[in-house]
Protein backbone atom coordinates (compact mmCIF):
# COMPACT_ATOMS: atom_id res chain seq x y z
CA UNK A 1 70.61 -82.55 52.31
CA UNK A 2 67.54 -84.07 51.87
CA UNK A 3 65.43 -81.14 50.43
CA UNK A 4 67.74 -81.13 47.17
CA UNK A 5 67.52 -84.85 46.02
CA UNK A 6 65.29 -84.40 43.35
CA UNK A 7 65.14 -84.56 39.63
CA UNK A 8 65.44 -80.83 38.85
CA UNK A 9 68.21 -78.29 39.47
CA UNK A 10 68.32 -75.41 41.42
CA UNK A 11 68.15 -73.05 38.83
CA UNK A 12 65.03 -74.52 37.27
CA UNK A 13 63.33 -74.35 40.64
CA UNK A 14 64.60 -70.53 40.95
CA UNK A 15 63.22 -69.73 37.44
CA UNK A 16 60.05 -71.40 37.75
CA UNK A 17 59.38 -69.44 41.24
CA UNK A 18 60.45 -65.89 39.66
CA UNK A 19 58.30 -66.58 36.58
CA UNK A 20 55.08 -67.44 38.70
CA UNK A 21 55.94 -64.74 41.13
CA UNK A 22 55.65 -62.23 38.38
CA UNK A 23 52.22 -63.53 37.51
CA UNK A 24 51.38 -63.82 41.25
CA UNK A 25 52.62 -60.29 41.89
CA UNK A 26 50.77 -59.03 38.58
CA UNK A 27 47.51 -60.53 40.30
CA UNK A 28 48.34 -59.27 44.17
CA UNK A 29 48.75 -55.72 42.40
CA UNK A 30 45.45 -55.94 40.80
CA UNK A 31 43.68 -57.34 43.54
CA UNK A 32 45.29 -54.82 45.76
CA UNK A 33 44.37 -51.83 43.42
CA UNK A 34 40.54 -52.80 43.41
CA UNK A 35 40.47 -53.06 47.00
CA UNK A 36 42.43 -49.74 48.15
CA UNK A 37 41.96 -47.74 44.98
CA UNK A 38 45.60 -46.79 45.60
CA UNK A 39 48.67 -47.96 43.16
CA UNK A 40 51.16 -46.80 45.90
CA UNK A 41 49.80 -49.39 48.27
CA UNK A 42 48.86 -52.02 45.93
CA UNK A 43 52.54 -51.57 44.90
CA UNK A 44 53.80 -51.86 48.31
CA UNK A 45 51.80 -54.97 49.01
CA UNK A 46 52.59 -56.26 45.74
CA UNK A 47 56.32 -55.86 46.10
CA UNK A 48 56.73 -57.14 49.67
CA UNK A 49 55.03 -60.33 49.13
CA UNK A 50 57.08 -61.17 46.08
CA UNK A 51 60.20 -61.83 48.30
CA UNK A 52 58.43 -64.18 50.58
CA UNK A 53 56.48 -65.76 47.89
CA UNK A 54 59.56 -66.54 45.86
CA UNK A 55 61.41 -68.43 48.60
CA UNK A 56 58.07 -70.31 49.61
CA UNK A 57 57.42 -71.38 46.37
CA UNK A 58 61.49 -72.37 45.93
CA UNK A 59 61.49 -74.75 48.95
CA UNK A 60 58.13 -75.97 48.52
CA UNK A 61 59.42 -77.38 44.63
CA UNK A 62 62.59 -78.58 46.16
CA UNK A 63 60.36 -80.59 48.76
CA UNK A 64 57.99 -82.12 45.82
CA UNK A 65 61.25 -82.66 43.94
CA UNK A 66 62.74 -84.97 46.50
CA UNK A 67 59.37 -86.93 46.92
CA UNK A 68 58.90 -90.09 44.85
CA UNK A 69 54.91 -90.25 45.33
CA UNK A 70 53.12 -90.00 42.23
CA UNK A 71 55.88 -89.40 40.10
CA UNK A 72 57.34 -91.74 37.23
CA UNK A 73 60.86 -93.35 37.97
CA UNK A 74 63.67 -92.01 35.71
CA UNK A 75 64.95 -94.33 33.20
CA UNK A 76 68.42 -95.62 34.00
CA UNK A 77 71.52 -94.09 31.65
CA UNK A 78 72.19 -96.52 28.98
CA UNK A 79 75.78 -97.29 30.39
CA UNK A 80 74.18 -98.56 33.56
CA UNK A 81 75.03 -102.80 34.08
CA UNK A 82 71.51 -103.00 35.54
CA UNK A 83 69.77 -101.76 32.65
CA UNK A 84 71.13 -104.49 30.47
CA UNK A 85 69.38 -107.13 32.65
C-alpha cells in the first residue's frame, strides 16, 4: 500500500503516536479543567480525543514517511552492486 512505503516501521510510528498523545492529552485535560472547572468533564474530553488523535497522528506519520521531499536518501546497503560504482 502506498501509504506504508516509508523508512519507519509501523510499530515505531504507533509508539510515537501514543507518546505524543499522552503529552497532548495531559495538555487537553489541563486546558479543559481550566475552562470547565470540572475534572469529570476534563477527563471525558481528554479521554475521547486521545483515540481519534492517535489514529490521525499514525496516518499522518505514515504519509510523511512515504514522501521523499525534504528527506535525505537512505544509503544503499554495503552488499549492493550499485554502491560499488
